[in-house]
Amino acid sequence: MSTYPFAPFVSTTPLPISTGEVLDKLWKTLRGNWKLYLWLGSPLAAVGILFLALYAGALFVSGIFPMHPGVMPDLRAFFWVYCAMFIGSIPNLFVFALYQAATAFATLSKARGQQITMREAYAAAWRKAGRYCWLMILHYLWVAGPIVVVMMLVAVLMGLIQIGTHPNPAVLFVTIPLFFLFYLGAMVYAIWMALRLGLAFPASVAEDLPAAAALKRSSRLSFGVKGKLFLTLVVVAAISYAVVLVVEFVVFGVAALGVVLFQLLHLSMAVGIALGVLAALIFMVLMFLYTALAWSAYSITFTIVYCDQRWRVDGAVTSGFGPSAGGIVPA
């Protein structure tokens, strides 16, 4: 075990790493390096918030949400909104690819006891940006491909239904439940494939694997641990959701208190607007921090499981991601 470069992320028992051990190692890694992971996740959080803002704006101007009561929504706009969303998600995927590679590189470096900075991690990812972007595209197609197909079919159907007439209730009565079942099946498939292929980025970074080989490697290493990995991610998601609830409770509580004080003190409208903008900015900053650290938690989880599974599948490996293994070396 002492010769394995990622020994800190391997279970201390003969059995595969447990959910409790993964969560413990995740907490220690994130707690001791939270500034690093916050900086690593900052570009992804910024692009994600920008994408959501643009998507919300597209929904607003598309006519899907009527501004006047009694007006039917323009369902034909679904097609163009989904097309815009798909096109707009491409830059987001590329940023996510570099983030995944940089975070995996940083986490693997920490496992080896090496100090790493955000610049070094992203520099290592950038050196093979083409590979990681292609890996992200393949990963996206395997995981979310059926969901995209179902959503595009819904958009096309909504557009066809409303061409020159109002929606046919009988058609909607049949098609909406049917597409819901298709969508539910696509979601189940996406979760399964995300667990199966989730170790691809750590494998590609640590073993210098091309995209297709990294996906095959992840499929092999994830065999037998998908349930455990799913349970761990559910716990991480539950904690993340609880953090969001706390943030919303505090922010909206303070906002409600501000409204009461605004009324009692008879403050001017300009002051009220300024306070509202300030509260919105604070909320955006908190959500920015949450997004950066939450995605880091997911990425670290996959890397920890990868390190443990690689040890058990391959046995004692004396070379890590370095020249002897053909992997990348910290800058």
Protein backbone atom coordinates (compact mmCIF):
# COMPACT_ATOMS: atom_id res chain seq x y z
CA MET A 1 0.00 0.00 0.00
CA SER A 2 2.86 2.37 0.78
CA THR A 3 3.95 2.32 -2.89
CA TYR A 4 0.52 3.22 -4.20
CA PRO A 5 0.54 6.98 -4.92
CA PHE A 6 -3.10 7.49 -3.94
CA ALA A 7 -3.05 5.48 -0.71
CA PRO A 8 -4.80 8.19 1.36
CA PHE A 9 -7.96 7.59 -0.70
CA VAL A 10 -7.95 3.81 -0.27
CA SER A 11 -10.06 2.10 2.37
CA THR A 12 -8.24 1.02 5.51
CA THR A 13 -10.17 -2.28 5.46
CA PRO A 14 -9.84 -5.24 3.07
CA LEU A 15 -13.29 -4.39 1.71
CA PRO A 16 -14.03 -1.73 -0.93
CA ILE A 17 -14.32 1.76 0.47
CA SER A 18 -17.60 2.34 2.32
CA THR A 19 -19.96 5.26 2.03
CA GLY A 20 -18.89 6.51 5.45
CA GLU A 21 -15.22 6.41 4.49
CA VAL A 22 -15.88 8.27 1.24
CA LEU A 23 -17.80 10.98 3.10
CA ASP A 24 -15.07 11.21 5.74
CA LYS A 25 -12.30 11.56 3.14
CA LEU A 26 -14.42 14.01 1.17
CA TRP A 27 -14.97 16.18 4.24
CA LYS A 28 -11.29 16.18 5.20
CA THR A 29 -10.19 16.99 1.66
CA LEU A 30 -12.72 19.77 1.18
CA ARG A 31 -12.23 21.23 4.66
CA GLY A 32 -8.45 21.37 4.37
CA ASN A 33 -8.43 22.80 0.85
CA TRP A 34 -11.68 24.73 0.56
CA LYS A 35 -10.00 27.84 -0.86
CA LEU A 36 -8.41 25.82 -3.66
CA TYR A 37 -11.68 24.12 -4.60
CA LEU A 38 -13.55 27.40 -4.33
CA TRP A 39 -11.20 28.97 -6.87
CA LEU A 40 -11.36 25.87 -9.06
CA GLY A 41 -15.14 25.98 -9.10
CA SER A 42 -15.43 29.74 -9.64
CA PRO A 43 -15.35 29.66 -13.49
CA LEU A 44 -17.91 26.87 -13.57
CA ALA A 45 -20.19 28.67 -11.11
CA ALA A 46 -19.96 31.92 -13.05
CA VAL A 47 -20.75 30.26 -16.40
CA GLY A 48 -23.57 28.25 -14.83
CA ILE A 49 -25.24 31.32 -13.31
CA LEU A 50 -24.84 33.21 -16.60
CA PHE A 51 -26.38 30.30 -18.52
CA LEU A 52 -29.38 30.15 -16.17
CA ALA A 53 -29.87 33.91 -16.48
CA LEU A 54 -29.79 33.72 -20.28
CA TYR A 55 -32.16 30.76 -20.27
CA ALA A 56 -34.61 32.59 -17.99
CA GLY A 57 -34.42 35.62 -20.29
CA ALA A 58 -35.09 33.43 -23.34
CA LEU A 59 -38.16 31.98 -21.66
CA PHE A 60 -39.41 35.46 -20.82
CA VAL A 61 -39.10 36.89 -24.31
CA SER A 62 -40.29 33.75 -26.10
CA GLY A 63 -43.94 34.16 -25.15
CA ILE A 64 -44.17 30.90 -23.22
CA PHE A 65 -45.29 32.86 -20.16
CA PRO A 66 -48.10 35.22 -21.28
CA MET A 67 -48.04 38.70 -19.81
CA HIS A 68 -51.82 39.14 -19.95
CA PRO A 69 -54.47 37.02 -18.22
CA GLY A 70 -56.52 34.72 -20.42
CA VAL A 71 -53.86 34.48 -23.13
CA MET A 72 -52.69 31.00 -24.07
CA PRO A 73 -48.94 30.39 -23.95
CA ASP A 74 -47.21 30.16 -27.29
CA LEU A 75 -46.15 26.51 -27.23
CA ARG A 76 -44.39 26.89 -30.57
CA ALA A 77 -41.71 28.84 -28.74
CA PHE A 78 -40.63 25.66 -26.96
CA PHE A 79 -38.77 24.52 -30.06
CA TRP A 80 -36.71 27.69 -30.35
CA VAL A 81 -36.09 27.87 -26.61
CA TYR A 82 -34.77 24.30 -26.52
CA CYS A 83 -32.62 24.96 -29.58
CA ALA A 84 -31.17 28.06 -27.90
CA MET A 85 -30.67 26.13 -24.67
CA PHE A 86 -28.84 23.34 -26.49
CA ILE A 87 -26.58 25.77 -28.35
CA GLY A 88 -25.94 27.78 -25.20
CA SER A 89 -24.99 24.65 -23.27
CA ILE A 90 -22.03 23.93 -25.56
CA PRO A 91 -19.70 26.56 -24.02
CA ASN A 92 -20.90 25.40 -20.60
CA LEU A 93 -19.83 21.84 -21.45
CA PHE A 94 -16.35 22.97 -22.45
CA VAL A 95 -15.89 24.91 -19.21
CA PHE A 96 -17.20 21.92 -17.28
CA ALA A 97 -14.72 19.64 -19.06
CA LEU A 98 -11.75 21.79 -18.05
CA TYR A 99 -13.13 22.07 -14.53
CA GLN A 100 -13.51 18.31 -14.20
CA ALA A 101 -9.96 17.71 -15.39
CA ALA A 102 -8.49 20.46 -13.21
CA THR A 103 -10.35 19.29 -10.09
CA ALA A 104 -9.35 15.67 -10.66
CA PHE A 105 -5.74 16.76 -11.16
CA ALA A 106 -5.79 18.81 -7.94
CA THR A 107 -7.42 16.03 -5.92
CA LEU A 108 -4.98 13.40 -7.16
CA SER A 109 -2.10 15.75 -6.39
CA LYS A 110 -3.40 16.23 -2.85
CA ALA A 111 -3.60 12.45 -2.45
CA ARG A 112 0.09 12.28 -3.29
CA GLY A 113 0.88 15.01 -0.77
CA GLN A 114 1.75 17.58 -3.43
CA GLN A 115 0.84 21.24 -3.13
CA ILE A 116 -1.13 22.53 -6.10
CA THR A 117 -2.62 25.87 -7.11
CA MET A 118 -5.61 26.75 -9.22
CA ARG A 119 -3.36 28.03 -12.00
CA GLU A 120 -1.33 24.82 -12.08
CA ALA A 121 -4.46 22.64 -12.11
CA TYR A 122 -6.09 24.54 -14.97
CA ALA A 123 -2.76 24.71 -16.84
CA ALA A 124 -2.55 20.92 -16.69
CA ALA A 125 -6.14 20.65 -17.95
CA TRP A 126 -5.55 23.21 -20.69
CA ARG A 127 -2.55 21.31 -22.06
CA LYS A 128 -4.95 18.53 -23.10
CA ALA A 129 -8.09 20.61 -23.49
CA GLY A 130 -9.07 18.89 -26.73
CA ARG A 131 -9.03 15.47 -25.12
CA TYR A 132 -11.05 16.56 -22.10
CA CYS A 133 -13.60 18.47 -24.18
CA TRP A 134 -14.09 15.42 -26.40
CA LEU A 135 -14.45 13.27 -23.28
CA MET A 136 -17.07 15.67 -21.97
CA ILE A 137 -19.00 15.53 -25.26
CA LEU A 138 -18.98 11.73 -25.31
CA HIS A 139 -19.93 11.61 -21.64
CA TYR A 140 -22.79 14.05 -22.26
CA LEU A 141 -24.10 12.09 -25.23
CA TRP A 142 -24.01 8.79 -23.35
CA VAL A 143 -25.64 10.20 -20.23
CA ALA A 144 -28.03 12.90 -21.42
CA GLY A 145 -28.58 11.91 -25.04
CA PRO A 146 -31.99 10.26 -24.49
CA ILE A 147 -33.15 13.23 -22.39
CA VAL A 148 -32.20 15.67 -25.14
CA VAL A 149 -34.05 13.55 -27.71
CA VAL A 150 -37.21 13.43 -25.59
CA MET A 151 -37.11 17.17 -24.90
CA MET A 152 -36.61 17.99 -28.59
CA LEU A 153 -39.53 15.72 -29.52
CA VAL A 154 -41.69 17.54 -26.97
CA ALA A 155 -40.64 20.89 -28.40
CA VAL A 156 -41.41 19.78 -31.97
CA LEU A 157 -44.77 18.32 -30.93
CA MET A 158 -45.78 21.48 -29.08
CA GLY A 159 -44.93 23.50 -32.14
CA LEU A 160 -46.86 21.23 -34.49
CA ILE A 161 -49.92 21.16 -32.25
CA GLN A 162 -50.26 24.92 -32.19
CA ILE A 163 -49.56 25.71 -35.85
CA GLY A 164 -52.50 27.85 -36.86
CA THR A 165 -54.84 26.65 -34.13
CA HIS A 166 -55.24 26.09 -30.42
CA PRO A 167 -53.84 22.94 -28.78
CA ASN A 168 -56.02 19.88 -29.17
CA PRO A 169 -56.91 18.70 -25.62
CA ALA A 170 -57.34 15.08 -26.75
CA VAL A 171 -53.88 15.00 -28.28
CA LEU A 172 -52.34 16.59 -25.21
CA PHE A 173 -54.19 14.12 -22.96
CA VAL A 174 -52.46 11.22 -24.72
CA THR A 175 -49.07 12.63 -25.53
CA ILE A 176 -48.18 14.41 -22.26
CA PRO A 177 -48.33 11.24 -20.06
CA LEU A 178 -46.52 9.30 -22.79
CA PHE A 179 -43.68 11.78 -23.01
CA PHE A 180 -43.55 11.94 -19.23
CA LEU A 181 -42.92 8.18 -19.14
CA PHE A 182 -40.26 8.52 -21.83
CA TYR A 183 -38.63 11.32 -19.85
CA LEU A 184 -38.74 9.31 -16.63
CA GLY A 185 -37.09 6.37 -18.36
CA ALA A 186 -34.43 8.67 -19.82
CA MET A 187 -33.73 10.08 -16.34
CA VAL A 188 -33.26 6.60 -14.87
CA TYR A 189 -30.93 5.72 -17.73
CA ALA A 190 -29.00 9.00 -17.22
CA ILE A 191 -28.44 8.29 -13.52
CA TRP A 192 -27.20 4.78 -14.28
CA MET A 193 -24.82 5.97 -16.98
CA ALA A 194 -23.59 8.88 -14.85
CA LEU A 195 -22.59 6.39 -12.15
CA ARG A 196 -21.03 4.06 -14.71
CA LEU A 197 -19.01 6.75 -16.47
CA GLY A 198 -18.38 9.06 -13.52
CA LEU A 199 -14.81 7.84 -13.01
CA ALA A 200 -13.76 8.73 -16.57
CA PHE A 201 -12.15 12.08 -15.79
CA PRO A 202 -10.02 10.83 -12.87
CA ALA A 203 -9.01 7.85 -15.01
CA SER A 204 -8.10 10.04 -17.97
CA VAL A 205 -6.05 12.43 -15.81
CA ALA A 206 -4.30 9.80 -13.68
CA GLU A 207 -3.58 7.27 -16.45
CA ASP A 208 -3.29 9.62 -19.44
CA LEU A 209 -6.13 7.86 -21.26
CA PRO A 210 -7.88 9.20 -24.36
CA ALA A 211 -11.60 9.87 -24.19
CA ALA A 212 -12.99 6.52 -25.38
CA ALA A 213 -10.48 4.53 -23.31
CA ALA A 214 -11.31 6.61 -20.22
CA LEU A 215 -15.01 5.82 -20.59
CA LYS A 216 -14.26 2.11 -20.91
CA ARG A 217 -11.94 2.30 -17.92
CA SER A 218 -14.64 4.00 -15.84
CA SER A 219 -17.16 1.34 -16.84
CA ARG A 220 -14.77 -1.33 -15.61
CA LEU A 221 -13.80 0.38 -12.37
CA SER A 222 -17.38 1.26 -11.43
CA PHE A 223 -18.49 -2.36 -11.59
CA GLY A 224 -19.92 -3.39 -8.23
CA VAL A 225 -19.80 0.06 -6.60
CA LYS A 226 -22.58 1.92 -8.42
CA GLY A 227 -25.03 1.48 -5.54
CA LYS A 228 -22.51 2.68 -2.99
CA LEU A 229 -21.55 5.59 -5.21
CA PHE A 230 -25.20 6.49 -5.71
CA LEU A 231 -25.84 6.46 -1.95
CA THR A 232 -22.82 8.69 -1.35
CA LEU A 233 -23.93 11.18 -3.97
CA VAL A 234 -27.45 11.20 -2.53
CA VAL A 235 -26.02 12.13 0.89
CA VAL A 236 -23.90 14.86 -0.70
CA ALA A 237 -26.94 16.14 -2.61
CA ALA A 238 -29.06 16.11 0.56
CA ILE A 239 -26.44 18.12 2.44
CA SER A 240 -26.18 20.53 -0.49
CA TYR A 241 -29.95 20.95 -0.58
CA ALA A 242 -30.02 21.61 3.17
CA VAL A 243 -27.38 24.31 2.70
CA VAL A 244 -29.50 25.92 -0.01
CA LEU A 245 -32.54 25.91 2.28
CA VAL A 246 -30.54 27.55 5.06
CA VAL A 247 -29.19 30.21 2.69
CA GLU A 248 -32.64 30.94 1.31
CA PHE A 249 -34.16 31.05 4.78
CA VAL A 250 -31.56 33.53 6.03
CA VAL A 251 -31.60 35.74 2.93
CA PHE A 252 -35.36 35.87 2.54
CA GLY A 253 -35.77 36.30 6.30
CA VAL A 254 -33.46 39.30 6.25
CA ALA A 255 -35.29 40.61 3.17
CA ALA A 256 -38.65 40.28 4.93
CA LEU A 257 -37.25 42.10 7.96
CA GLY A 258 -35.97 44.82 5.65
CA VAL A 259 -39.44 45.25 4.15
CA VAL A 260 -40.97 45.62 7.61
CA LEU A 261 -38.36 48.19 8.62
CA PHE A 262 -38.88 49.99 5.32
CA GLN A 263 -42.55 50.38 6.12
CA LEU A 264 -42.06 51.33 9.77
CA LEU A 265 -39.32 53.88 9.15
CA HIS A 266 -41.01 55.31 6.05
CA LEU A 267 -37.85 55.13 3.99
CA SER A 268 -37.75 56.51 0.47
CA MET A 269 -38.29 54.29 -2.56
CA ALA A 270 -34.67 54.81 -3.63
CA VAL A 271 -33.43 53.38 -0.36
CA GLY A 272 -35.79 50.42 -0.70
CA ILE A 273 -34.55 49.67 -4.20
CA ALA A 274 -30.93 49.95 -3.06
CA LEU A 275 -31.55 47.54 -0.19
CA GLY A 276 -33.31 45.12 -2.52
CA VAL A 277 -30.42 45.16 -4.97
CA LEU A 278 -27.97 44.65 -2.10
CA ALA A 279 -29.94 41.65 -0.82
CA ALA A 280 -30.05 40.17 -4.34
CA LEU A 281 -26.28 40.60 -4.71
CA ILE A 282 -25.64 38.93 -1.36
CA PHE A 283 -27.87 36.03 -2.38
CA MET A 284 -26.04 35.70 -5.70
CA VAL A 285 -22.66 35.64 -3.95
CA LEU A 286 -23.82 32.95 -1.53
CA MET A 287 -25.22 30.84 -4.36
CA PHE A 288 -21.97 31.35 -6.26
CA LEU A 289 -19.98 29.99 -3.31
CA TYR A 290 -22.40 27.12 -2.88
CA THR A 291 -22.26 26.13 -6.56
CA ALA A 292 -18.45 26.16 -6.63
CA LEU A 293 -18.08 24.01 -3.51
CA ALA A 294 -20.99 21.67 -4.31
CA TRP A 295 -19.57 20.70 -7.70
CA SER A 296 -16.19 20.21 -6.04
CA ALA A 297 -17.77 17.77 -3.60
CA TYR A 298 -19.17 15.67 -6.45
CA SER A 299 -15.86 15.69 -8.34
CA ILE A 300 -13.84 14.75 -5.23
CA THR A 301 -16.25 11.91 -4.50
CA PHE A 302 -15.71 10.35 -7.92
CA THR A 303 -11.94 10.75 -7.58
CA ILE A 304 -11.88 9.07 -4.16
CA VAL A 305 -13.86 6.11 -5.45
CA TYR A 306 -11.60 5.92 -8.50
CA CYS A 307 -8.46 5.73 -6.35
CA ASP A 308 -9.89 2.94 -4.20
CA GLN A 309 -11.26 0.96 -7.16
CA ARG A 310 -8.06 1.28 -9.13
CA TRP A 311 -6.15 -0.25 -6.24
CA ARG A 312 -8.56 -3.18 -5.96
CA VAL A 313 -8.95 -3.84 -9.67
CA ASP A 314 -5.31 -3.43 -10.69
CA GLY A 315 -3.58 -4.38 -7.44
CA ALA A 316 -0.63 -2.51 -5.97
CA VAL A 317 0.40 0.09 -8.55
CA THR A 318 3.82 1.55 -8.03
CA SER A 319 3.46 4.34 -10.59
CA GLY A 320 0.99 7.18 -10.42
CA PHE A 321 0.14 9.91 -12.86
CA GLY A 322 3.67 10.86 -13.75
CA PRO A 323 6.18 10.18 -16.46
CA SER A 324 6.42 6.49 -15.63
CA ALA A 325 2.65 6.12 -15.98
CA GLY A 326 2.35 8.37 -18.97
CA GLY A 327 0.23 10.83 -17.03
CA ILE A 328 0.52 14.53 -16.48
CA VAL A 329 2.95 16.02 -14.03
CA PRO A 330 2.18 19.00 -11.78
CA ALA A 331 3.44 22.17 -13.40
